[in-house]
Amino acid sequence: MAEGVAVFTSDSWDNEVLKASGVVVVDFWAVWCGPCRMVAPTIEELAKEYAGKVKVGKLNTDENSDIASKYKIMGIPTIMFFKNGQKVDQIVGAVPKQQIKAKIDSLL
């Protein structure tokens, strides 16, 4: 994974996301997903831009299907936004960087 991008798993989910204070951005993805590969560089850029302000990470839905089903992930990529451990929003599909940035800025 790129610098600044956390890797979330079923084991780390509670500590890394649900118990985190502030904003956490989670990219739900899978290796075989083309649109996920399109979004990946954007996620990496955002991790660098918001370093120290927002936690940005990825969760592989194939390897962590329990988390994916808990949040009813039907399509990937799904980018989910958490604030102080609570899910506050999500975007489904490959979207422009500006759209994700606007969502993060609204939560800060």
N, C-alpha and C. Protein backbone atom coordinates (compact mmCIF):
# COMPACT_ATOMS: atom_id res chain seq x y z
N MET A 1 0.84 -1.20 0.00
CA MET A 1 0.00 0.00 0.00
C MET A 1 0.87 1.25 0.00
N ALA A 2 0.28 2.30 -0.49
CA ALA A 2 1.02 3.56 -0.60
C ALA A 2 1.24 4.20 0.77
N GLU A 3 2.19 5.06 0.79
CA GLU A 3 2.53 5.78 2.02
C GLU A 3 1.31 6.56 2.51
N GLY A 4 1.03 6.44 3.81
CA GLY A 4 -0.07 7.20 4.39
C GLY A 4 -1.43 6.52 4.32
N VAL A 5 -1.51 5.42 3.54
CA VAL A 5 -2.79 4.72 3.41
C VAL A 5 -2.77 3.50 4.34
N ALA A 6 -3.70 3.50 5.30
CA ALA A 6 -3.78 2.38 6.25
C ALA A 6 -4.43 1.18 5.58
N VAL A 7 -4.12 0.00 6.07
CA VAL A 7 -4.78 -1.21 5.60
C VAL A 7 -5.66 -1.71 6.74
N PHE A 8 -6.97 -1.64 6.54
CA PHE A 8 -7.91 -2.08 7.56
C PHE A 8 -8.26 -3.55 7.32
N THR A 9 -8.42 -4.30 8.41
CA THR A 9 -8.83 -5.71 8.33
C THR A 9 -9.93 -5.93 9.37
N SER A 10 -10.51 -7.10 9.33
CA SER A 10 -11.53 -7.44 10.33
C SER A 10 -10.95 -7.31 11.74
N ASP A 11 -9.68 -7.72 11.90
CA ASP A 11 -9.03 -7.66 13.21
C ASP A 11 -8.77 -6.24 13.69
N SER A 12 -8.43 -5.34 12.77
CA SER A 12 -8.07 -3.98 13.18
C SER A 12 -9.23 -2.99 13.11
N TRP A 13 -10.35 -3.41 12.53
CA TRP A 13 -11.48 -2.51 12.25
C TRP A 13 -11.94 -1.70 13.46
N ASP A 14 -12.23 -2.37 14.56
CA ASP A 14 -12.76 -1.66 15.74
C ASP A 14 -11.79 -0.59 16.23
N ASN A 15 -10.52 -0.96 16.40
CA ASN A 15 -9.54 0.00 16.90
C ASN A 15 -9.24 1.11 15.91
N GLU A 16 -9.09 0.75 14.64
CA GLU A 16 -8.66 1.72 13.63
C GLU A 16 -9.78 2.65 13.16
N VAL A 17 -11.00 2.14 13.15
CA VAL A 17 -12.12 2.92 12.58
C VAL A 17 -13.15 3.30 13.64
N LEU A 18 -13.71 2.32 14.32
CA LEU A 18 -14.82 2.59 15.24
C LEU A 18 -14.39 3.32 16.51
N LYS A 19 -13.14 3.13 16.94
CA LYS A 19 -12.67 3.81 18.15
C LYS A 19 -11.83 5.04 17.82
N ALA A 20 -11.71 5.36 16.53
CA ALA A 20 -10.90 6.51 16.12
C ALA A 20 -11.67 7.80 16.38
N SER A 21 -10.94 8.82 16.81
CA SER A 21 -11.58 10.13 16.93
C SER A 21 -11.27 10.89 15.65
N GLY A 22 -12.21 11.71 15.24
CA GLY A 22 -12.04 12.46 13.99
C GLY A 22 -12.58 11.70 12.80
N VAL A 23 -12.11 12.08 11.61
CA VAL A 23 -12.63 11.56 10.35
C VAL A 23 -11.76 10.40 9.85
N VAL A 24 -12.43 9.31 9.46
CA VAL A 24 -11.76 8.16 8.84
C VAL A 24 -12.44 7.90 7.50
N VAL A 25 -11.63 7.80 6.44
CA VAL A 25 -12.13 7.50 5.10
C VAL A 25 -11.71 6.07 4.76
N VAL A 26 -12.69 5.23 4.41
CA VAL A 26 -12.41 3.83 4.11
C VAL A 26 -12.80 3.53 2.67
N ASP A 27 -11.83 3.03 1.91
CA ASP A 27 -12.06 2.61 0.54
C ASP A 27 -12.27 1.10 0.55
N PHE A 28 -13.51 0.65 0.31
CA PHE A 28 -13.80 -0.78 0.19
C PHE A 28 -13.50 -1.18 -1.25
N TRP A 29 -12.60 -2.15 -1.42
CA TRP A 29 -12.12 -2.50 -2.76
C TRP A 29 -11.84 -3.99 -2.86
N ALA A 30 -11.51 -4.44 -4.09
CA ALA A 30 -11.06 -5.82 -4.32
C ALA A 30 -10.07 -5.82 -5.47
N VAL A 31 -9.21 -6.81 -5.48
CA VAL A 31 -8.13 -6.90 -6.47
C VAL A 31 -8.67 -6.95 -7.90
N TRP A 32 -9.78 -7.65 -8.12
CA TRP A 32 -10.32 -7.88 -9.46
C TRP A 32 -11.16 -6.70 -9.98
N CYS A 33 -11.34 -5.66 -9.17
CA CYS A 33 -12.26 -4.57 -9.49
C CYS A 33 -11.55 -3.45 -10.27
N GLY A 34 -11.92 -3.29 -11.54
CA GLY A 34 -11.33 -2.24 -12.39
C GLY A 34 -11.53 -0.83 -11.85
N PRO A 35 -12.77 -0.44 -11.55
CA PRO A 35 -13.00 0.91 -11.02
C PRO A 35 -12.24 1.17 -9.72
N CYS A 36 -12.01 0.10 -8.92
CA CYS A 36 -11.24 0.26 -7.68
C CYS A 36 -9.81 0.70 -8.00
N ARG A 37 -9.26 0.12 -9.07
CA ARG A 37 -7.91 0.50 -9.49
C ARG A 37 -7.87 1.95 -9.97
N MET A 38 -8.98 2.41 -10.56
CA MET A 38 -9.05 3.81 -11.01
C MET A 38 -9.06 4.77 -9.83
N VAL A 39 -9.71 4.39 -8.75
CA VAL A 39 -9.85 5.24 -7.56
C VAL A 39 -8.59 5.22 -6.69
N ALA A 40 -7.82 4.13 -6.75
CA ALA A 40 -6.66 3.95 -5.86
C ALA A 40 -5.69 5.14 -5.84
N PRO A 41 -5.27 5.68 -7.00
CA PRO A 41 -4.35 6.83 -6.94
C PRO A 41 -4.96 8.04 -6.25
N THR A 42 -6.26 8.24 -6.40
CA THR A 42 -6.95 9.35 -5.74
C THR A 42 -6.91 9.17 -4.23
N ILE A 43 -7.16 7.95 -3.77
CA ILE A 43 -7.13 7.66 -2.34
C ILE A 43 -5.73 7.94 -1.79
N GLU A 44 -4.70 7.55 -2.55
CA GLU A 44 -3.32 7.78 -2.11
C GLU A 44 -3.01 9.27 -2.03
N GLU A 45 -3.48 10.04 -3.02
CA GLU A 45 -3.26 11.49 -3.00
C GLU A 45 -3.95 12.13 -1.80
N LEU A 46 -5.18 11.71 -1.53
CA LEU A 46 -5.93 12.28 -0.41
C LEU A 46 -5.26 11.95 0.92
N ALA A 47 -4.70 10.73 1.03
CA ALA A 47 -4.00 10.34 2.26
C ALA A 47 -2.84 11.29 2.52
N LYS A 48 -2.13 11.67 1.47
CA LYS A 48 -1.00 12.60 1.62
C LYS A 48 -1.50 14.01 1.95
N GLU A 49 -2.51 14.46 1.20
CA GLU A 49 -3.03 15.82 1.39
C GLU A 49 -3.61 16.05 2.78
N TYR A 50 -4.26 15.03 3.31
CA TYR A 50 -4.93 15.18 4.61
C TYR A 50 -4.16 14.51 5.75
N ALA A 51 -2.89 14.21 5.53
CA ALA A 51 -2.06 13.57 6.56
C ALA A 51 -2.11 14.39 7.84
N GLY A 52 -2.36 13.72 8.97
CA GLY A 52 -2.43 14.41 10.25
C GLY A 52 -3.81 14.97 10.56
N LYS A 53 -4.70 15.02 9.56
CA LYS A 53 -6.06 15.55 9.78
C LYS A 53 -7.12 14.47 9.64
N VAL A 54 -6.89 13.54 8.71
CA VAL A 54 -7.87 12.50 8.40
C VAL A 54 -7.13 11.17 8.25
N LYS A 55 -7.71 10.10 8.76
CA LYS A 55 -7.13 8.77 8.55
C LYS A 55 -7.75 8.19 7.28
N VAL A 56 -6.90 7.79 6.36
CA VAL A 56 -7.38 7.23 5.09
C VAL A 56 -6.88 5.80 4.98
N GLY A 57 -7.78 4.88 4.65
CA GLY A 57 -7.37 3.49 4.55
C GLY A 57 -8.24 2.70 3.59
N LYS A 58 -7.80 1.47 3.34
CA LYS A 58 -8.49 0.59 2.41
C LYS A 58 -8.84 -0.72 3.11
N LEU A 59 -9.96 -1.31 2.71
CA LEU A 59 -10.36 -2.60 3.23
C LEU A 59 -10.68 -3.51 2.05
N ASN A 60 -9.96 -4.61 1.94
CA ASN A 60 -10.19 -5.58 0.87
C ASN A 60 -11.46 -6.38 1.21
N THR A 61 -12.49 -6.24 0.38
CA THR A 61 -13.78 -6.86 0.68
C THR A 61 -13.74 -8.38 0.55
N ASP A 62 -12.84 -8.91 -0.28
CA ASP A 62 -12.73 -10.36 -0.42
C ASP A 62 -12.11 -10.98 0.83
N GLU A 63 -11.11 -10.30 1.39
CA GLU A 63 -10.40 -10.83 2.56
C GLU A 63 -11.13 -10.52 3.88
N ASN A 64 -12.03 -9.54 3.86
CA ASN A 64 -12.73 -9.10 5.08
C ASN A 64 -14.23 -9.02 4.81
N SER A 65 -14.80 -10.11 4.32
CA SER A 65 -16.20 -10.10 3.89
C SER A 65 -17.17 -9.83 5.04
N ASP A 66 -16.75 -10.14 6.28
CA ASP A 66 -17.63 -9.89 7.42
C ASP A 66 -17.89 -8.38 7.58
N ILE A 67 -16.86 -7.57 7.41
CA ILE A 67 -17.03 -6.12 7.52
C ILE A 67 -17.85 -5.60 6.33
N ALA A 68 -17.54 -6.09 5.13
CA ALA A 68 -18.27 -5.68 3.93
C ALA A 68 -19.76 -5.98 4.07
N SER A 69 -20.10 -7.16 4.61
CA SER A 69 -21.52 -7.49 4.74
C SER A 69 -22.17 -6.71 5.88
N LYS A 70 -21.40 -6.42 6.94
CA LYS A 70 -21.95 -5.64 8.06
C LYS A 70 -22.41 -4.26 7.57
N TYR A 71 -21.66 -3.68 6.63
CA TYR A 71 -22.01 -2.35 6.11
C TYR A 71 -22.78 -2.43 4.79
N LYS A 72 -23.24 -3.64 4.45
CA LYS A 72 -24.09 -3.85 3.27
C LYS A 72 -23.46 -3.29 2.00
N ILE A 73 -22.17 -3.61 1.80
CA ILE A 73 -21.47 -3.17 0.59
C ILE A 73 -21.99 -3.99 -0.58
N MET A 74 -22.67 -3.33 -1.51
CA MET A 74 -23.25 -4.01 -2.67
C MET A 74 -22.41 -3.80 -3.93
N GLY A 75 -21.73 -2.67 -4.00
CA GLY A 75 -20.90 -2.36 -5.15
C GLY A 75 -19.60 -1.76 -4.69
N ILE A 76 -18.53 -2.06 -5.44
CA ILE A 76 -17.24 -1.46 -5.09
C ILE A 76 -16.69 -0.76 -6.33
N PRO A 77 -15.90 0.27 -6.17
CA PRO A 77 -15.47 0.79 -4.88
C PRO A 77 -16.61 1.51 -4.14
N THR A 78 -16.64 1.34 -2.83
CA THR A 78 -17.48 2.14 -1.95
C THR A 78 -16.54 2.88 -1.02
N ILE A 79 -16.68 4.19 -0.97
CA ILE A 79 -15.86 5.00 -0.07
C ILE A 79 -16.77 5.45 1.06
N MET A 80 -16.44 5.01 2.27
CA MET A 80 -17.28 5.28 3.42
C MET A 80 -16.58 6.27 4.35
N PHE A 81 -17.37 7.16 4.92
CA PHE A 81 -16.84 8.21 5.78
C PHE A 81 -17.34 8.00 7.20
N PHE A 82 -16.42 7.97 8.14
CA PHE A 82 -16.75 7.81 9.55
C PHE A 82 -16.27 9.05 10.30
N LYS A 83 -17.04 9.46 11.29
CA LYS A 83 -16.62 10.56 12.16
C LYS A 83 -16.83 10.11 13.59
N ASN A 84 -15.73 10.11 14.35
CA ASN A 84 -15.77 9.65 15.75
C ASN A 84 -16.44 8.28 15.88
N GLY A 85 -16.10 7.38 14.96
CA GLY A 85 -16.59 6.00 15.03
C GLY A 85 -17.95 5.75 14.43
N GLN A 86 -18.63 6.80 13.99
CA GLN A 86 -19.97 6.65 13.41
C GLN A 86 -19.92 6.82 11.89
N LYS A 87 -20.59 5.93 11.17
CA LYS A 87 -20.68 6.09 9.71
C LYS A 87 -21.55 7.31 9.43
N VAL A 88 -21.02 8.26 8.66
CA VAL A 88 -21.79 9.47 8.37
C VAL A 88 -22.16 9.61 6.90
N ASP A 89 -21.44 8.93 6.01
CA ASP A 89 -21.75 9.08 4.60
C ASP A 89 -21.03 8.02 3.79
N GLN A 90 -21.39 7.91 2.50
CA GLN A 90 -20.66 7.02 1.61
C GLN A 90 -20.87 7.44 0.17
N ILE A 91 -19.91 7.06 -0.66
CA ILE A 91 -19.99 7.28 -2.11
C ILE A 91 -19.73 5.92 -2.75
N VAL A 92 -20.58 5.53 -3.70
CA VAL A 92 -20.39 4.26 -4.39
C VAL A 92 -19.96 4.54 -5.82
N GLY A 93 -18.92 3.83 -6.25
CA GLY A 93 -18.44 3.96 -7.62
C GLY A 93 -17.21 4.85 -7.72
N ALA A 94 -16.61 4.81 -8.91
CA ALA A 94 -15.43 5.64 -9.17
C ALA A 94 -15.89 7.06 -9.43
N VAL A 95 -15.49 7.98 -8.59
CA VAL A 95 -15.92 9.37 -8.70
C VAL A 95 -14.69 10.27 -8.76
N PRO A 96 -14.86 11.51 -9.26
CA PRO A 96 -13.73 12.43 -9.32
C PRO A 96 -13.20 12.78 -7.93
N LYS A 97 -11.90 13.05 -7.87
CA LYS A 97 -11.24 13.39 -6.61
C LYS A 97 -11.96 14.54 -5.90
N GLN A 98 -12.40 15.53 -6.67
CA GLN A 98 -13.02 16.71 -6.08
C GLN A 98 -14.27 16.35 -5.27
N GLN A 99 -14.99 15.34 -5.72
CA GLN A 99 -16.21 14.92 -5.03
C GLN A 99 -15.87 14.32 -3.65
N ILE A 100 -14.81 13.52 -3.60
CA ILE A 100 -14.39 12.92 -2.33
C ILE A 100 -13.84 14.01 -1.41
N LYS A 101 -13.05 14.91 -2.00
CA LYS A 101 -12.44 16.01 -1.24
C LYS A 101 -13.53 16.88 -0.60
N ALA A 102 -14.58 17.19 -1.35
CA ALA A 102 -15.68 18.03 -0.85
C ALA A 102 -16.34 17.37 0.35
N LYS A 103 -16.50 16.03 0.27
CA LYS A 103 -17.13 15.29 1.36
C LYS A 103 -16.25 15.34 2.61
N ILE A 104 -14.92 15.14 2.43
CA ILE A 104 -13.99 15.19 3.56
C ILE A 104 -14.02 16.58 4.18
N ASP A 105 -13.94 17.62 3.33
CA ASP A 105 -13.92 19.00 3.85
C ASP A 105 -15.18 19.32 4.65
N SER A 106 -16.32 18.76 4.22
CA SER A 106 -17.58 19.04 4.92
C SER A 106 -17.58 18.40 6.31
N LEU A 107 -16.76 17.37 6.50
CA LEU A 107 -16.73 16.66 7.79
C LEU A 107 -15.68 17.20 8.75
N LEU A 108 -14.75 18.00 8.23
CA LEU A 108 -13.68 18.52 9.09
C LEU A 108 -14.13 19.74 9.88
